Amino acid sequence: AGKIIKSNKLSAAALTDFKRLIGKVDAVV
């Protein structure tokens, strides 16, 4: 996840647990 963030110059944070997305995002792929 960190490698993808770095190689694409993204400002996203890396997580390993998808349940931590609840309450933080509107939509997911």
PDB file of all heavy atoms in Angstrom:
ATOM      1  N   ALA A   1       0.836  -1.201   0.000  1.00  0.00           N
ATOM      2  CA  ALA A   1       0.000   0.000   0.000  1.00  0.00           C
ATOM      3  C   ALA A   1       0.872   1.252   0.000  1.00  0.00           C
ATOM      4  O   ALA A   1       0.635   2.203  -0.752  1.00  0.00           O
ATOM      5  CB  ALA A   1      -0.930  -0.009   1.209  1.00  0.00           C
ATOM      6  N   GLY A   2       1.912   1.229   0.830  1.00  0.00           N
ATOM      7  CA  GLY A   2       2.825   2.373   0.886  1.00  0.00           C
ATOM      8  C   GLY A   2       3.565   2.585  -0.410  1.00  0.00           C
ATOM      9  O   GLY A   2       3.799   3.725  -0.835  1.00  0.00           O
ATOM     10  N   LYS A   3       3.922   1.494  -1.064  1.00  0.00           N
ATOM     11  CA  LYS A   3       4.632   1.583  -2.339  1.00  0.00           C
ATOM     12  C   LYS A   3       3.749   2.212  -3.414  1.00  0.00           C
ATOM     13  O   LYS A   3       4.220   3.046  -4.210  1.00  0.00           O
ATOM     14  CB  LYS A   3       5.066   0.180  -2.775  1.00  0.00           C
ATOM     15  CG  LYS A   3       5.870   0.145  -4.060  1.00  0.00           C
ATOM     16  CD  LYS A   3       6.265  -1.280  -4.414  1.00  0.00           C
ATOM     17  CE  LYS A   3       7.025  -1.330  -5.737  1.00  0.00           C
ATOM     18  NZ  LYS A   3       7.379  -2.728  -6.105  1.00  0.00           N
ATOM     19  N   ILE A   4       2.474   1.831  -3.437  1.00  0.00           N
ATOM     20  CA  ILE A   4       1.545   2.400  -4.417  1.00  0.00           C
ATOM     21  C   ILE A   4       1.357   3.891  -4.159  1.00  0.00           C
ATOM     22  O   ILE A   4       1.307   4.708  -5.088  1.00  0.00           O
ATOM     23  CB  ILE A   4       0.182   1.675  -4.372  1.00  0.00           C
ATOM     24  CG1 ILE A   4       0.343   0.200  -4.762  1.00  0.00           C
ATOM     25  CG2 ILE A   4      -0.838   2.363  -5.277  1.00  0.00           C
ATOM     26  CD1 ILE A   4       0.879  -0.045  -6.144  1.00  0.00           C
ATOM     27  N   ILE A   5       1.257   4.271  -2.901  1.00  0.00           N
ATOM     28  CA  ILE A   5       1.111   5.683  -2.536  1.00  0.00           C
ATOM     29  C   ILE A   5       2.324   6.479  -3.009  1.00  0.00           C
ATOM     30  O   ILE A   5       2.187   7.549  -3.621  1.00  0.00           O
ATOM     31  CB  ILE A   5       0.928   5.826  -1.012  1.00  0.00           C
ATOM     32  CG1 ILE A   5      -0.444   5.272  -0.589  1.00  0.00           C
ATOM     33  CG2 ILE A   5       1.072   7.287  -0.580  1.00  0.00           C
ATOM     34  CD1 ILE A   5      -0.616   5.137   0.908  1.00  0.00           C
ATOM     35  N   LYS A   6       3.490   5.932  -2.767  1.00  0.00           N
ATOM     36  CA  LYS A   6       4.730   6.638  -3.122  1.00  0.00           C
ATOM     37  C   LYS A   6       4.921   6.720  -4.632  1.00  0.00           C
ATOM     38  O   LYS A   6       5.237   7.787  -5.175  1.00  0.00           O
ATOM     39  CB  LYS A   6       5.925   5.926  -2.479  1.00  0.00           C
ATOM     40  CG  LYS A   6       7.243   6.648  -2.695  1.00  0.00           C
ATOM     41  CD  LYS A   6       8.382   5.940  -1.960  1.00  0.00           C
ATOM     42  CE  LYS A   6       9.707   6.670  -2.186  1.00  0.00           C
ATOM     43  NZ  LYS A   6      10.831   5.980  -1.480  1.00  0.00           N
ATOM     44  N   SER A   7       4.715   5.598  -5.331  1.00  0.00           N
ATOM     45  CA  SER A   7       4.972   5.580  -6.777  1.00  0.00           C
ATOM     46  C   SER A   7       4.010   6.462  -7.558  1.00  0.00           C
ATOM     47  O   SER A   7       4.346   6.965  -8.631  1.00  0.00           O
ATOM     48  CB  SER A   7       4.903   4.142  -7.301  1.00  0.00           C
ATOM     49  OG  SER A   7       3.606   3.607  -7.128  1.00  0.00           O
ATOM     50  N   ASN A   8       2.797   6.672  -7.028  1.00  0.00           N
ATOM     51  CA  ASN A   8       1.814   7.523  -7.699  1.00  0.00           C
ATOM     52  C   ASN A   8       1.717   8.918  -7.090  1.00  0.00           C
ATOM     53  O   ASN A   8       0.845   9.696  -7.475  1.00  0.00           O
ATOM     54  CB  ASN A   8       0.437   6.847  -7.659  1.00  0.00           C
ATOM     55  CG  ASN A   8       0.350   5.627  -8.553  1.00  0.00           C
ATOM     56  OD1 ASN A   8       0.247   5.740  -9.767  1.00  0.00           O
ATOM     57  ND2 ASN A   8       0.415   4.443  -7.956  1.00  0.00           N
ATOM     58  N   LYS A   9       2.590   9.191  -6.139  1.00  0.00           N
ATOM     59  CA  LYS A   9       2.642  10.502  -5.471  1.00  0.00           C
ATOM     60  C   LYS A   9       1.273  10.892  -4.904  1.00  0.00           C
ATOM     61  O   LYS A   9       0.763  11.992  -5.136  1.00  0.00           O
ATOM     62  CB  LYS A   9       3.156  11.575  -6.438  1.00  0.00           C
ATOM     63  CG  LYS A   9       4.562  11.298  -6.935  1.00  0.00           C
ATOM     64  CD  LYS A   9       5.039  12.356  -7.918  1.00  0.00           C
ATOM     65  CE  LYS A   9       6.443  12.029  -8.409  1.00  0.00           C
ATOM     66  NZ  LYS A   9       6.942  13.019  -9.406  1.00  0.00           N
ATOM     67  N   LEU A  10       0.674   9.948  -4.168  1.00  0.00           N
ATOM     68  CA  LEU A  10      -0.650  10.157  -3.593  1.00  0.00           C
ATOM     69  C   LEU A  10      -0.539  10.700  -2.168  1.00  0.00           C
ATOM     70  O   LEU A  10       0.442  10.450  -1.473  1.00  0.00           O
ATOM     71  CB  LEU A  10      -1.424   8.823  -3.576  1.00  0.00           C
ATOM     72  CG  LEU A  10      -1.584   8.124  -4.925  1.00  0.00           C
ATOM     73  CD1 LEU A  10      -2.165   6.731  -4.739  1.00  0.00           C
ATOM     74  CD2 LEU A  10      -2.465   8.952  -5.849  1.00  0.00           C
ATOM     75  N   SER A  11      -1.562  11.408  -1.757  1.00  0.00           N
ATOM     76  CA  SER A  11      -1.588  11.944  -0.394  1.00  0.00           C
ATOM     77  C   SER A  11      -2.364  11.034   0.554  1.00  0.00           C
ATOM     78  O   SER A  11      -2.613  11.389   1.703  1.00  0.00           O
ATOM     79  CB  SER A  11      -2.217  13.342  -0.387  1.00  0.00           C
ATOM     80  OG  SER A  11      -3.542  13.296  -0.895  1.00  0.00           O
ATOM     81  N   ALA A  12      -2.743   9.858   0.077  1.00  0.00           N
ATOM     82  CA  ALA A  12      -3.536   8.919   0.872  1.00  0.00           C
ATOM     83  C   ALA A  12      -2.708   8.281   1.978  1.00  0.00           C
ATOM     84  O   ALA A  12      -1.477   8.244   1.921  1.00  0.00           O
ATOM     85  CB  ALA A  12      -4.104   7.827  -0.033  1.00  0.00           C
ATOM     86  N   ALA A  13      -3.415   7.773   2.993  1.00  0.00           N
ATOM     87  CA  ALA A  13      -2.780   7.032   4.081  1.00  0.00           C
ATOM     88  C   ALA A  13      -3.000   5.542   3.865  1.00  0.00           C
ATOM     89  O   ALA A  13      -3.992   5.132   3.259  1.00  0.00           O
ATOM     90  CB  ALA A  13      -3.374   7.458   5.422  1.00  0.00           C
ATOM     91  N   ALA A  14      -2.077   4.718   4.353  1.00  0.00           N
ATOM     92  CA  ALA A  14      -2.172   3.264   4.204  1.00  0.00           C
ATOM     93  C   ALA A  14      -2.815   2.643   5.440  1.00  0.00           C
ATOM     94  O   ALA A  14      -2.495   3.015   6.573  1.00  0.00           O
ATOM     95  CB  ALA A  14      -0.784   2.667   3.984  1.00  0.00           C
ATOM     96  N   LEU A  15      -3.730   1.695   5.199  1.00  0.00           N
ATOM     97  CA  LEU A  15      -4.393   0.943   6.269  1.00  0.00           C
ATOM     98  C   LEU A  15      -4.374  -0.545   5.936  1.00  0.00           C
ATOM     99  O   LEU A  15      -4.263  -0.918   4.768  1.00  0.00           O
ATOM    100  CB  LEU A  15      -5.854   1.389   6.430  1.00  0.00           C
ATOM    101  CG  LEU A  15      -6.155   2.824   6.868  1.00  0.00           C
ATOM    102  CD1 LEU A  15      -7.663   3.064   6.831  1.00  0.00           C
ATOM    103  CD2 LEU A  15      -5.611   3.095   8.258  1.00  0.00           C
ATOM    104  N   THR A  16      -4.503  -1.382   6.965  1.00  0.00           N
ATOM    105  CA  THR A  16      -4.636  -2.825   6.726  1.00  0.00           C
ATOM    106  C   THR A  16      -6.030  -3.330   7.085  1.00  0.00           C
ATOM    107  O   THR A  16      -6.402  -4.429   6.689  1.00  0.00           O
ATOM    108  CB  THR A  16      -3.599  -3.609   7.549  1.00  0.00           C
ATOM    109  OG1 THR A  16      -3.739  -3.264   8.931  1.00  0.00           O
ATOM    110  CG2 THR A  16      -2.177  -3.290   7.087  1.00  0.00           C
ATOM    111  N   ASP A  17      -6.820  -2.535   7.819  1.00  0.00           N
ATOM    112  CA  ASP A  17      -8.162  -2.939   8.255  1.00  0.00           C
ATOM    113  C   ASP A  17      -9.207  -2.052   7.587  1.00  0.00           C
ATOM    114  O   ASP A  17      -9.302  -0.858   7.885  1.00  0.00           O
ATOM    115  CB  ASP A  17      -8.276  -2.834   9.774  1.00  0.00           C
ATOM    116  CG  ASP A  17      -9.622  -3.315  10.303  1.00  0.00           C
ATOM    117  OD1 ASP A  17     -10.469  -3.760   9.492  1.00  0.00           O
ATOM    118  OD2 ASP A  17      -9.836  -3.232  11.531  1.00  0.00           O
ATOM    119  N   PHE A  18     -10.017  -2.631   6.685  1.00  0.00           N
ATOM    120  CA  PHE A  18     -11.003  -1.840   5.943  1.00  0.00           C
ATOM    121  C   PHE A  18     -12.079  -1.250   6.846  1.00  0.00           C
ATOM    122  O   PHE A  18     -12.685  -0.228   6.512  1.00  0.00           O
ATOM    123  CB  PHE A  18     -11.644  -2.686   4.836  1.00  0.00           C
ATOM    124  CG  PHE A  18     -12.627  -3.713   5.324  1.00  0.00           C
ATOM    125  CD1 PHE A  18     -13.969  -3.404   5.480  1.00  0.00           C
ATOM    126  CD2 PHE A  18     -12.211  -4.997   5.637  1.00  0.00           C
ATOM    127  CE1 PHE A  18     -14.884  -4.345   5.919  1.00  0.00           C
ATOM    128  CE2 PHE A  18     -13.111  -5.949   6.085  1.00  0.00           C
ATOM    129  CZ  PHE A  18     -14.448  -5.613   6.238  1.00  0.00           C
ATOM    130  N   LYS A  19     -12.321  -1.844   7.989  1.00  0.00           N
ATOM    131  CA  LYS A  19     -13.372  -1.352   8.884  1.00  0.00           C
ATOM    132  C   LYS A  19     -13.039   0.019   9.456  1.00  0.00           C
ATOM    133  O   LYS A  19     -13.932   0.752   9.915  1.00  0.00           O
ATOM    134  CB  LYS A  19     -13.638  -2.358  10.003  1.00  0.00           C
ATOM    135  CG  LYS A  19     -14.307  -3.636   9.501  1.00  0.00           C
ATOM    136  CD  LYS A  19     -14.597  -4.612  10.615  1.00  0.00           C
ATOM    137  CE  LYS A  19     -15.249  -5.875  10.060  1.00  0.00           C
ATOM    138  NZ  LYS A  19     -15.492  -6.876  11.123  1.00  0.00           N
ATOM    139  N   ARG A  20     -11.780   0.386   9.413  1.00  0.00           N
ATOM    140  CA  ARG A  20     -11.380   1.721   9.885  1.00  0.00           C
ATOM    141  C   ARG A  20     -11.824   2.831   8.936  1.00  0.00           C
ATOM    142  O   ARG A  20     -11.728   4.020   9.269  1.00  0.00           O
ATOM    143  CB  ARG A  20      -9.861   1.762  10.091  1.00  0.00           C
ATOM    144  CG  ARG A  20      -9.374   0.888  11.249  1.00  0.00           C
ATOM    145  CD  ARG A  20      -7.883   0.961  11.416  1.00  0.00           C
ATOM    146  NE  ARG A  20      -7.425   2.321  11.714  1.00  0.00           N
ATOM    147  CZ  ARG A  20      -6.151   2.696  11.756  1.00  0.00           C
ATOM    148  NH1 ARG A  20      -5.201   1.813  11.491  1.00  0.00           N
ATOM    149  NH2 ARG A  20      -5.823   3.942  12.032  1.00  0.00           N
ATOM    150  N   LEU A  21     -12.342   2.459   7.776  1.00  0.00           N
ATOM    151  CA  LEU A  21     -12.840   3.455   6.823  1.00  0.00           C
ATOM    152  C   LEU A  21     -14.206   4.003   7.232  1.00  0.00           C
ATOM    153  O   LEU A  21     -14.591   5.092   6.802  1.00  0.00           O
ATOM    154  CB  LEU A  21     -12.967   2.828   5.422  1.00  0.00           C
ATOM    155  CG  LEU A  21     -11.681   2.322   4.767  1.00  0.00           C
ATOM    156  CD1 LEU A  21     -12.021   1.620   3.456  1.00  0.00           C
ATOM    157  CD2 LEU A  21     -10.705   3.466   4.528  1.00  0.00           C
ATOM    158  N   ILE A  22     -14.940   3.246   8.045  1.00  0.00           N
ATOM    159  CA  ILE A  22     -16.303   3.638   8.416  1.00  0.00           C
ATOM    160  C   ILE A  22     -16.291   4.978   9.144  1.00  0.00           C
ATOM    161  O   ILE A  22     -15.546   5.172  10.106  1.00  0.00           O
ATOM    162  CB  ILE A  22     -16.960   2.545   9.283  1.00  0.00           C
ATOM    163  CG1 ILE A  22     -17.138   1.268   8.445  1.00  0.00           C
ATOM    164  CG2 ILE A  22     -18.308   3.016   9.813  1.00  0.00           C
ATOM    165  CD1 ILE A  22     -17.638   0.067   9.228  1.00  0.00           C
ATOM    166  N   GLY A  23     -17.095   5.901   8.624  1.00  0.00           N
ATOM    167  CA  GLY A  23     -17.163   7.237   9.196  1.00  0.00           C
ATOM    168  C   GLY A  23     -16.113   8.195   8.662  1.00  0.00           C
ATOM    169  O   GLY A  23     -16.121   9.382   9.015  1.00  0.00           O
ATOM    170  N   LYS A  24     -15.225   7.693   7.786  1.00  0.00           N
ATOM    171  CA  LYS A  24     -14.129   8.535   7.293  1.00  0.00           C
ATOM    172  C   LYS A  24     -14.187   8.801   5.792  1.00  0.00           C
ATOM    173  O   LYS A  24     -13.553   9.739   5.307  1.00  0.00           O
ATOM    174  CB  LYS A  24     -12.784   7.893   7.647  1.00  0.00           C
ATOM    175  CG  LYS A  24     -12.519   7.808   9.144  1.00  0.00           C
ATOM    176  CD  LYS A  24     -11.171   7.158   9.425  1.00  0.00           C
ATOM    177  CE  LYS A  24     -10.902   7.092  10.920  1.00  0.00           C
ATOM    178  NZ  LYS A  24      -9.621   6.419  11.221  1.00  0.00           N
ATOM    179  N   VAL A  25     -14.895   7.935   5.038  1.00  0.00           N
ATOM    180  CA  VAL A  25     -14.989   8.136   3.589  1.00  0.00           C
ATOM    181  C   VAL A  25     -16.429   8.027   3.125  1.00  0.00           C
ATOM    182  O   VAL A  25     -17.289   7.491   3.830  1.00  0.00           O
ATOM    183  CB  VAL A  25     -14.110   7.118   2.812  1.00  0.00           C
ATOM    184  CG1 VAL A  25     -12.641   7.284   3.164  1.00  0.00           C
ATOM    185  CG2 VAL A  25     -14.578   5.687   3.075  1.00  0.00           C
ATOM    186  N   ASP A  26     -16.676   8.528   1.907  1.00  0.00           N
ATOM    187  CA  ASP A  26     -18.018   8.474   1.316  1.00  0.00           C
ATOM    188  C   ASP A  26     -18.193   7.259   0.408  1.00  0.00           C
ATOM    189  O   ASP A  26     -19.303   6.727   0.285  1.00  0.00           O
ATOM    190  CB  ASP A  26     -18.278   9.729   0.472  1.00  0.00           C
ATOM    191  CG  ASP A  26     -18.042  11.014   1.241  1.00  0.00           C
ATOM    192  OD1 ASP A  26     -18.627  11.162   2.324  1.00  0.00           O
ATOM    193  OD2 ASP A  26     -17.271  11.871   0.746  1.00  0.00           O
ATOM    194  N   ALA A  27     -17.109   6.851  -0.249  1.00  0.00           N
ATOM    195  CA  ALA A  27     -17.212   5.806  -1.269  1.00  0.00           C
ATOM    196  C   ALA A  27     -15.916   5.017  -1.338  1.00  0.00           C
ATOM    197  O   ALA A  27     -14.831   5.555  -1.086  1.00  0.00           O
ATOM    198  CB  ALA A  27     -17.517   6.432  -2.629  1.00  0.00           C
ATOM    199  N   VAL A  28     -16.041   3.732  -1.691  1.00  0.00           N
ATOM    200  CA  VAL A  28     -14.859   2.884  -1.811  1.00  0.00           C
ATOM    201  C   VAL A  28     -14.918   2.055  -3.087  1.00  0.00           C
ATOM    202  O   VAL A  28     -15.994   1.784  -3.622  1.00  0.00           O
ATOM    203  CB  VAL A  28     -14.703   1.918  -0.612  1.00  0.00           C
ATOM    204  CG1 VAL A  28     -14.633   2.674   0.706  1.00  0.00           C
ATOM    205  CG2 VAL A  28     -15.823   0.888  -0.582  1.00  0.00           C
ATOM    206  N   VAL A  29     -13.742   1.659  -3.550  1.00  0.00           N
ATOM    207  CA  VAL A  29     -13.602   0.668  -4.609  1.00  0.00           C
ATOM    208  C   VAL A  29     -13.051  -0.587  -3.955  1.00  0.00           C
ATOM    209  O   VAL A  29     -12.020  -0.537  -3.276  1.00  0.00           O
ATOM    210  CB  VAL A  29     -12.650   1.140  -5.720  1.00  0.00           C
ATOM    211  CG1 VAL A  29     -12.389   0.006  -6.712  1.00  0.00           C
ATOM    212  CG2 VAL A  29     -13.211   2.351  -6.432  1.00  0.00           C
TER     213      VAL A  29
END
